[in-house]
Full PDB file with SEQRES, HELIX, SHEET, SSBOND, CRYST1, ORIGX, SCALE, CONECT and MASTER records, all heavy atoms in Angstrom:
SEQRES   1 A   30  SER CYS ARG SER LEU GLY ILE ALA SER GLY PHE ASP HIS          
SEQRES   2 A   30  SER THR GLY TYR LEU GLN LYS HIS VAL GLN GLN GLU ILE          
SEQRES   3 A   30  ALA GLN SER GLU                                              
HELIX    1 AA1 ARG A    3  SER A    9  1                                   7    
HELIX    2 AA2 THR A   15  SER A   29  1                                  15    
CRYST1    1.000    1.000    1.000  90.00  90.00  90.00 P 1           1          
ORIGX1      1.000000  0.000000  0.000000        0.00000                         
ORIGX2      0.000000  1.000000  0.000000        0.00000                         
ORIGX3      0.000000  0.000000  1.000000        0.00000                         
SCALE1      1.000000  0.000000  0.000000        0.00000                         
SCALE2      0.000000  1.000000  0.000000        0.00000                         
SCALE3      0.000000  0.000000  1.000000        0.00000                         
ATOM      1  N   SER A   1     -21.787  -5.205  -8.771  1.00  0.00           N  
ATOM      2  CA  SER A   1     -23.008  -4.897  -9.535  1.00  0.00           C  
ATOM      3  C   SER A   1     -23.614  -3.564  -9.135  1.00  0.00           C  
ATOM      4  O   SER A   1     -24.238  -2.910  -9.952  1.00  0.00           O  
ATOM      5  CB  SER A   1     -24.032  -6.019  -9.286  1.00  0.00           C  
ATOM      6  OG  SER A   1     -23.563  -7.236  -9.788  1.00  0.00           O  
ATOM      7  N   CYS A   2     -23.418  -3.151  -7.905  1.00  0.00           N  
ATOM      8  CA  CYS A   2     -24.063  -1.938  -7.394  1.00  0.00           C  
ATOM      9  C   CYS A   2     -23.096  -0.778  -7.269  1.00  0.00           C  
ATOM     10  O   CYS A   2     -23.413   0.289  -6.721  1.00  0.00           O  
ATOM     11  CB  CYS A   2     -24.677  -2.217  -6.009  1.00  0.00           C  
ATOM     12  SG  CYS A   2     -25.896  -3.550  -6.033  1.00  0.00           S  
ATOM     13  N   ARG A   3     -21.879  -0.919  -7.795  1.00  0.00           N  
ATOM     14  CA  ARG A   3     -20.829   0.065  -7.617  1.00  0.00           C  
ATOM     15  C   ARG A   3     -21.260   1.467  -8.090  1.00  0.00           C  
ATOM     16  O   ARG A   3     -21.006   2.446  -7.408  1.00  0.00           O  
ATOM     17  CB  ARG A   3     -19.571  -0.359  -8.355  1.00  0.00           C  
ATOM     18  CG  ARG A   3     -18.444   0.644  -8.213  1.00  0.00           C  
ATOM     19  CD  ARG A   3     -17.117  -0.026  -8.033  1.00  0.00           C  
ATOM     20  NE  ARG A   3     -16.011   0.906  -8.084  1.00  0.00           N  
ATOM     21  CZ  ARG A   3     -15.609   1.656  -7.079  1.00  0.00           C  
ATOM     22  NH1 ARG A   3     -16.223   1.588  -5.925  1.00  0.00           N  
ATOM     23  NH2 ARG A   3     -14.594   2.458  -7.195  1.00  0.00           N  
ATOM     24  N   SER A   4     -21.945   1.565  -9.239  1.00  0.00           N  
ATOM     25  CA  SER A   4     -22.332   2.892  -9.708  1.00  0.00           C  
ATOM     26  C   SER A   4     -23.273   3.574  -8.719  1.00  0.00           C  
ATOM     27  O   SER A   4     -23.213   4.776  -8.521  1.00  0.00           O  
ATOM     28  CB  SER A   4     -22.940   2.809 -11.102  1.00  0.00           C  
ATOM     29  OG  SER A   4     -24.141   2.066 -11.079  1.00  0.00           O  
ATOM     30  N   LEU A   5     -24.162   2.791  -8.086  1.00  0.00           N  
ATOM     31  CA  LEU A   5     -25.057   3.376  -7.087  1.00  0.00           C  
ATOM     32  C   LEU A   5     -24.267   3.760  -5.846  1.00  0.00           C  
ATOM     33  O   LEU A   5     -24.586   4.758  -5.192  1.00  0.00           O  
ATOM     34  CB  LEU A   5     -26.178   2.363  -6.743  1.00  0.00           C  
ATOM     35  CG  LEU A   5     -27.198   2.118  -7.813  1.00  0.00           C  
ATOM     36  CD1 LEU A   5     -28.108   0.924  -7.429  1.00  0.00           C  
ATOM     37  CD2 LEU A   5     -28.014   3.348  -8.090  1.00  0.00           C  
ATOM     38  N   GLY A   6     -23.280   2.952  -5.504  1.00  0.00           N  
ATOM     39  CA  GLY A   6     -22.430   3.277  -4.329  1.00  0.00           C  
ATOM     40  C   GLY A   6     -21.688   4.576  -4.549  1.00  0.00           C  
ATOM     41  O   GLY A   6     -21.581   5.397  -3.635  1.00  0.00           O  
ATOM     42  N   ILE A   7     -21.183   4.781  -5.752  1.00  0.00           N  
ATOM     43  CA  ILE A   7     -20.448   6.022  -6.041  1.00  0.00           C  
ATOM     44  C   ILE A   7     -21.422   7.206  -6.082  1.00  0.00           C  
ATOM     45  O   ILE A   7     -21.163   8.247  -5.500  1.00  0.00           O  
ATOM     46  CB  ILE A   7     -19.680   5.911  -7.367  1.00  0.00           C  
ATOM     47  CG1 ILE A   7     -18.506   4.913  -7.200  1.00  0.00           C  
ATOM     48  CG2 ILE A   7     -19.186   7.263  -7.856  1.00  0.00           C  
ATOM     49  CD1 ILE A   7     -17.808   4.542  -8.479  1.00  0.00           C  
ATOM     50  N   ALA A   8     -22.583   7.010  -6.688  1.00  0.00           N  
ATOM     51  CA  ALA A   8     -23.578   8.099  -6.758  1.00  0.00           C  
ATOM     52  C   ALA A   8     -24.066   8.508  -5.370  1.00  0.00           C  
ATOM     53  O   ALA A   8     -24.346   9.689  -5.116  1.00  0.00           O  
ATOM     54  CB  ALA A   8     -24.770   7.650  -7.615  1.00  0.00           C  
ATOM     55  N   SER A   9     -24.115   7.551  -4.438  1.00  0.00           N  
ATOM     56  CA  SER A   9     -24.604   7.866  -3.101  1.00  0.00           C  
ATOM     57  C   SER A   9     -23.504   8.452  -2.185  1.00  0.00           C  
ATOM     58  O   SER A   9     -23.793   8.926  -1.087  1.00  0.00           O  
ATOM     59  CB  SER A   9     -25.148   6.592  -2.450  1.00  0.00           C  
ATOM     60  OG  SER A   9     -24.096   5.691  -2.123  1.00  0.00           O  
ATOM     61  N   GLY A  10     -22.249   8.371  -2.630  1.00  0.00           N  
ATOM     62  CA  GLY A  10     -21.146   8.784  -1.786  1.00  0.00           C  
ATOM     63  C   GLY A  10     -20.649   7.698  -0.862  1.00  0.00           C  
ATOM     64  O   GLY A  10     -19.721   7.880  -0.120  1.00  0.00           O  
ATOM     65  N   PHE A  11     -21.265   6.518  -0.941  1.00  0.00           N  
ATOM     66  CA  PHE A  11     -20.854   5.396  -0.117  1.00  0.00           C  
ATOM     67  C   PHE A  11     -19.502   4.848  -0.582  1.00  0.00           C  
ATOM     68  O   PHE A  11     -18.649   4.549   0.245  1.00  0.00           O  
ATOM     69  CB  PHE A  11     -21.921   4.305  -0.178  1.00  0.00           C  
ATOM     70  CG  PHE A  11     -21.709   3.163   0.791  1.00  0.00           C  
ATOM     71  CD1 PHE A  11     -21.848   3.363   2.150  1.00  0.00           C  
ATOM     72  CD2 PHE A  11     -21.330   1.933   0.352  1.00  0.00           C  
ATOM     73  CE1 PHE A  11     -21.656   2.323   3.036  1.00  0.00           C  
ATOM     74  CE2 PHE A  11     -21.170   0.863   1.211  1.00  0.00           C  
ATOM     75  CZ  PHE A  11     -21.326   1.089   2.583  1.00  0.00           C  
ATOM     76  N   ASP A  12     -19.316   4.740  -1.866  1.00  0.00           N  
ATOM     77  CA  ASP A  12     -18.075   4.321  -2.464  1.00  0.00           C  
ATOM     78  C   ASP A  12     -17.458   5.551  -3.169  1.00  0.00           C  
ATOM     79  O   ASP A  12     -18.174   6.498  -3.492  1.00  0.00           O  
ATOM     80  CB  ASP A  12     -18.263   3.233  -3.521  1.00  0.00           C  
ATOM     81  CG  ASP A  12     -18.529   1.881  -2.900  1.00  0.00           C  
ATOM     82  OD1 ASP A  12     -18.123   1.636  -1.739  1.00  0.00           O  
ATOM     83  OD2 ASP A  12     -19.138   1.024  -3.573  1.00  0.00           O  
ATOM     84  N   HIS A  13     -16.181   5.489  -3.436  1.00  0.00           N  
ATOM     85  CA  HIS A  13     -15.546   6.566  -4.168  1.00  0.00           C  
ATOM     86  C   HIS A  13     -14.865   6.000  -5.393  1.00  0.00           C  
ATOM     87  O   HIS A  13     -14.408   4.840  -5.380  1.00  0.00           O  
ATOM     88  CB  HIS A  13     -14.498   7.282  -3.298  1.00  0.00           C  
ATOM     89  CG  HIS A  13     -15.073   8.005  -2.143  1.00  0.00           C  
ATOM     90  ND1 HIS A  13     -15.896   9.097  -2.284  1.00  0.00           N  
ATOM     91  CD2 HIS A  13     -14.973   7.803  -0.796  1.00  0.00           C  
ATOM     92  CE1 HIS A  13     -16.296   9.535  -1.114  1.00  0.00           C  
ATOM     93  NE2 HIS A  13     -15.752   8.778  -0.199  1.00  0.00           N  
ATOM     94  N   SER A  14     -14.792   6.776  -6.428  1.00  0.00           N  
ATOM     95  CA  SER A  14     -14.123   6.333  -7.646  1.00  0.00           C  
ATOM     96  C   SER A  14     -12.624   6.210  -7.374  1.00  0.00           C  
ATOM     97  O   SER A  14     -12.074   6.823  -6.471  1.00  0.00           O  
ATOM     98  CB  SER A  14     -14.357   7.324  -8.768  1.00  0.00           C  
ATOM     99  OG  SER A  14     -13.664   8.540  -8.491  1.00  0.00           O  
ATOM    100  N   THR A  15     -11.947   5.412  -8.192  1.00  0.00           N  
ATOM    101  CA  THR A  15     -10.520   5.233  -8.063  1.00  0.00           C  
ATOM    102  C   THR A  15      -9.795   6.565  -8.177  1.00  0.00           C  
ATOM    103  O   THR A  15      -8.860   6.835  -7.399  1.00  0.00           O  
ATOM    104  CB  THR A  15     -10.021   4.237  -9.122  1.00  0.00           C  
ATOM    105  OG1 THR A  15     -10.733   3.011  -8.946  1.00  0.00           O  
ATOM    106  CG2 THR A  15      -8.536   3.986  -8.983  1.00  0.00           C  
ATOM    107  N   GLY A  16     -10.195   7.396  -9.097  1.00  0.00           N  
ATOM    108  CA  GLY A  16      -9.562   8.711  -9.274  1.00  0.00           C  
ATOM    109  C   GLY A  16      -9.691   9.579  -8.049  1.00  0.00           C  
ATOM    110  O   GLY A  16      -8.727  10.235  -7.657  1.00  0.00           O  
ATOM    111  N   TYR A  17     -10.851   9.579  -7.439  1.00  0.00           N  
ATOM    112  CA  TYR A  17     -11.050  10.336  -6.201  1.00  0.00           C  
ATOM    113  C   TYR A  17     -10.107   9.845  -5.117  1.00  0.00           C  
ATOM    114  O   TYR A  17      -9.444  10.632  -4.413  1.00  0.00           O  
ATOM    115  CB  TYR A  17     -12.503  10.219  -5.731  1.00  0.00           C  
ATOM    116  CG  TYR A  17     -12.721  10.858  -4.363  1.00  0.00           C  
ATOM    117  CD1 TYR A  17     -13.023  12.174  -4.230  1.00  0.00           C  
ATOM    118  CD2 TYR A  17     -12.584  10.090  -3.214  1.00  0.00           C  
ATOM    119  CE1 TYR A  17     -13.200  12.759  -2.998  1.00  0.00           C  
ATOM    120  CE2 TYR A  17     -12.747  10.630  -1.961  1.00  0.00           C  
ATOM    121  CZ  TYR A  17     -13.067  11.985  -1.875  1.00  0.00           C  
ATOM    122  OH  TYR A  17     -13.238  12.545  -0.614  1.00  0.00           O  
ATOM    123  N   LEU A  18     -10.024   8.531  -4.948  1.00  0.00           N  
ATOM    124  CA  LEU A  18      -9.174   7.951  -3.910  1.00  0.00           C  
ATOM    125  C   LEU A  18      -7.699   8.268  -4.135  1.00  0.00           C  
ATOM    126  O   LEU A  18      -6.993   8.631  -3.203  1.00  0.00           O  
ATOM    127  CB  LEU A  18      -9.373   6.453  -3.828  1.00  0.00           C  
ATOM    128  CG  LEU A  18     -10.766   6.012  -3.365  1.00  0.00           C  
ATOM    129  CD1 LEU A  18     -10.973   4.552  -3.497  1.00  0.00           C  
ATOM    130  CD2 LEU A  18     -11.039   6.481  -1.943  1.00  0.00           C  
ATOM    131  N   GLN A  19      -7.260   8.195  -5.362  1.00  0.00           N  
ATOM    132  CA  GLN A  19      -5.863   8.530  -5.657  1.00  0.00           C  
ATOM    133  C   GLN A  19      -5.576   9.996  -5.337  1.00  0.00           C  
ATOM    134  O   GLN A  19      -4.542  10.308  -4.750  1.00  0.00           O  
ATOM    135  CB  GLN A  19      -5.533   8.225  -7.119  1.00  0.00           C  
ATOM    136  CG  GLN A  19      -5.501   6.747  -7.428  1.00  0.00           C  
ATOM    137  CD  GLN A  19      -5.397   6.456  -8.907  1.00  0.00           C  
ATOM    138  OE1 GLN A  19      -5.656   7.288  -9.758  1.00  0.00           O  
ATOM    139  NE2 GLN A  19      -5.018   5.214  -9.223  1.00  0.00           N  
ATOM    140  N   LYS A  20      -6.464  10.862  -5.685  1.00  0.00           N  
ATOM    141  CA  LYS A  20      -6.291  12.275  -5.381  1.00  0.00           C  
ATOM    142  C   LYS A  20      -6.257  12.505  -3.876  1.00  0.00           C  
ATOM    143  O   LYS A  20      -5.432  13.257  -3.358  1.00  0.00           O  
ATOM    144  CB  LYS A  20      -7.435  13.096  -5.999  1.00  0.00           C  
ATOM    145  CG  LYS A  20      -7.383  14.580  -5.689  1.00  0.00           C  
ATOM    146  CD  LYS A  20      -8.541  15.327  -6.299  1.00  0.00           C  
ATOM    147  CE  LYS A  20      -8.512  16.797  -5.855  1.00  0.00           C  
ATOM    148  NZ  LYS A  20      -9.684  17.491  -6.246  1.00  0.00           N  
ATOM    149  N   HIS A  21      -7.145  11.837  -3.174  1.00  0.00           N  
ATOM    150  CA  HIS A  21      -7.204  11.995  -1.730  1.00  0.00           C  
ATOM    151  C   HIS A  21      -5.908  11.491  -1.070  1.00  0.00           C  
ATOM    152  O   HIS A  21      -5.387  12.148  -0.149  1.00  0.00           O  
ATOM    153  CB  HIS A  21      -8.404  11.259  -1.159  1.00  0.00           C  
ATOM    154  CG  HIS A  21      -8.494  11.350   0.351  1.00  0.00           C  
ATOM    155  ND1 HIS A  21      -8.753  12.552   0.986  1.00  0.00           N  
ATOM    156  CD2 HIS A  21      -8.286  10.437   1.300  1.00  0.00           C  
ATOM    157  CE1 HIS A  21      -8.724  12.351   2.289  1.00  0.00           C  
ATOM    158  NE2 HIS A  21      -8.448  11.042   2.488  1.00  0.00           N  
ATOM    159  N   VAL A  22      -5.381  10.363  -1.486  1.00  0.00           N  
ATOM    160  CA  VAL A  22      -4.149   9.833  -0.927  1.00  0.00           C  
ATOM    161  C   VAL A  22      -2.995  10.862  -1.172  1.00  0.00           C  
ATOM    162  O   VAL A  22      -2.211  11.127  -0.269  1.00  0.00           O  
ATOM    163  CB  VAL A  22      -3.798   8.453  -1.460  1.00  0.00           C  
ATOM    164  CG1 VAL A  22      -2.384   8.025  -1.114  1.00  0.00           C  
ATOM    165  CG2 VAL A  22      -4.793   7.405  -0.960  1.00  0.00           C  
ATOM    166  N   GLN A  23      -2.951  11.430  -2.356  1.00  0.00           N  
ATOM    167  CA  GLN A  23      -1.918  12.444  -2.647  1.00  0.00           C  
ATOM    168  C   GLN A  23      -2.047  13.657  -1.718  1.00  0.00           C  
ATOM    169  O   GLN A  23      -1.068  14.215  -1.236  1.00  0.00           O  
ATOM    170  CB  GLN A  23      -1.973  12.856  -4.104  1.00  0.00           C  
ATOM    171  CG  GLN A  23      -1.506  11.768  -5.061  1.00  0.00           C  
ATOM    172  CD  GLN A  23      -0.079  11.326  -4.777  1.00  0.00           C  
ATOM    173  OE1 GLN A  23       0.825  12.123  -4.566  1.00  0.00           O  
ATOM    174  NE2 GLN A  23       0.080  10.023  -4.686  1.00  0.00           N  
ATOM    175  N   GLN A  24      -3.293  14.068  -1.438  1.00  0.00           N  
ATOM    176  CA  GLN A  24      -3.541  15.188  -0.539  1.00  0.00           C  
ATOM    177  C   GLN A  24      -3.080  14.824   0.877  1.00  0.00           C  
ATOM    178  O   GLN A  24      -2.505  15.635   1.578  1.00  0.00           O  
ATOM    179  CB  GLN A  24      -4.993  15.581  -0.536  1.00  0.00           C  
ATOM    180  CG  GLN A  24      -5.467  16.246  -1.818  1.00  0.00           C  
ATOM    181  CD  GLN A  24      -6.947  16.430  -1.882  1.00  0.00           C  
ATOM    182  OE1 GLN A  24      -7.733  15.652  -1.315  1.00  0.00           O  
ATOM    183  NE2 GLN A  24      -7.370  17.486  -2.571  1.00  0.00           N  
ATOM    184  N   GLU A  25      -3.365  13.591   1.309  1.00  0.00           N  
ATOM    185  CA  GLU A  25      -2.949  13.158   2.638  1.00  0.00           C  
ATOM    186  C   GLU A  25      -1.409  13.119   2.754  1.00  0.00           C  
ATOM    187  O   GLU A  25      -0.848  13.485   3.784  1.00  0.00           O  
ATOM    188  CB  GLU A  25      -3.504  11.780   2.965  1.00  0.00           C  
ATOM    189  CG  GLU A  25      -4.985  11.834   3.284  1.00  0.00           C  
ATOM    190  CD  GLU A  25      -5.536  10.458   3.682  1.00  0.00           C  
ATOM    191  OE1 GLU A  25      -4.882   9.425   3.387  1.00  0.00           O  
ATOM    192  OE2 GLU A  25      -6.608  10.446   4.260  1.00  0.00           O  
ATOM    193  N   ILE A  26      -0.739  12.685   1.686  1.00  0.00           N  
ATOM    194  CA  ILE A  26       0.731  12.665   1.677  1.00  0.00           C  
ATOM    195  C   ILE A  26       1.278  14.082   1.828  1.00  0.00           C  
ATOM    196  O   ILE A  26       2.136  14.333   2.666  1.00  0.00           O  
ATOM    197  CB  ILE A  26       1.279  11.976   0.405  1.00  0.00           C  
ATOM    198  CG1 ILE A  26       0.989  10.482   0.446  1.00  0.00           C  
ATOM    199  CG2 ILE A  26       2.777  12.251   0.246  1.00  0.00           C  
ATOM    200  CD1 ILE A  26       1.254   9.757  -0.855  1.00  0.00           C  
ATOM    201  N   ALA A  27       0.736  15.018   1.047  1.00  0.00           N  
ATOM    202  CA  ALA A  27       1.183  16.388   1.123  1.00  0.00           C  
ATOM    203  C   ALA A  27       0.943  16.963   2.528  1.00  0.00           C  
ATOM    204  O   ALA A  27       1.784  17.688   3.065  1.00  0.00           O  
ATOM    205  CB  ALA A  27       0.468  17.244   0.053  1.00  0.00           C  
ATOM    206  N   GLN A  28      -0.192  16.652   3.090  1.00  0.00           N  
ATOM    207  CA  GLN A  28      -0.522  17.157   4.423  1.00  0.00           C  
ATOM    208  C   GLN A  28       0.450  16.571   5.460  1.00  0.00           C  
ATOM    209  O   GLN A  28       0.956  17.281   6.324  1.00  0.00           O  
ATOM    210  CB  GLN A  28      -1.969  16.808   4.782  1.00  0.00           C  
ATOM    211  CG  GLN A  28      -2.424  17.421   6.091  1.00  0.00           C  
ATOM    212  CD  GLN A  28      -3.857  17.097   6.373  1.00  0.00           C  
ATOM    213  OE1 GLN A  28      -4.334  16.032   5.995  1.00  0.00           O  
ATOM    214  NE2 GLN A  28      -4.526  18.038   7.010  1.00  0.00           N  
ATOM    215  N   SER A  29       0.719  15.267   5.394  1.00  0.00           N  
ATOM    216  CA  SER A  29       1.645  14.630   6.342  1.00  0.00           C  
ATOM    217  C   SER A  29       3.042  15.214   6.225  1.00  0.00           C  
ATOM    218  O   SER A  29       3.687  15.465   7.224  1.00  0.00           O  
ATOM    219  CB  SER A  29       1.696  13.103   6.093  1.00  0.00           C  
ATOM    220  OG  SER A  29       0.482  12.502   6.485  1.00  0.00           O  
ATOM    221  N   GLU A  30       3.502  15.465   4.995  1.00  0.00           N  
ATOM    222  CA  GLU A  30       4.828  16.052   4.797  1.00  0.00           C  
ATOM    223  C   GLU A  30       4.873  17.476   5.346  1.00  0.00           C  
ATOM    224  O   GLU A  30       5.859  17.888   5.952  1.00  0.00           O  
ATOM    225  CB  GLU A  30       5.202  16.030   3.326  1.00  0.00           C  
ATOM    226  CG  GLU A  30       5.485  14.640   2.833  1.00  0.00           C  
ATOM    227  CD  GLU A  30       5.718  14.513   1.325  1.00  0.00           C  
ATOM    228  OE1 GLU A  30       5.376  15.457   0.590  1.00  0.00           O  
ATOM    229  OE2 GLU A  30       6.266  13.470   0.899  1.00  0.00           O  
TER     230      GLU A  30                                                      
MASTER        0    0    0    2    0    0    0    6  229    1    0    3          
END                                                                             
């Protein structure tokens, strides 16, 4: 119910943000 507020506050991240971040972590690890 509060997800939009969590994303707006930076407490939660959108699915797109998380996917991008995981890809960046993979590239960095490689």
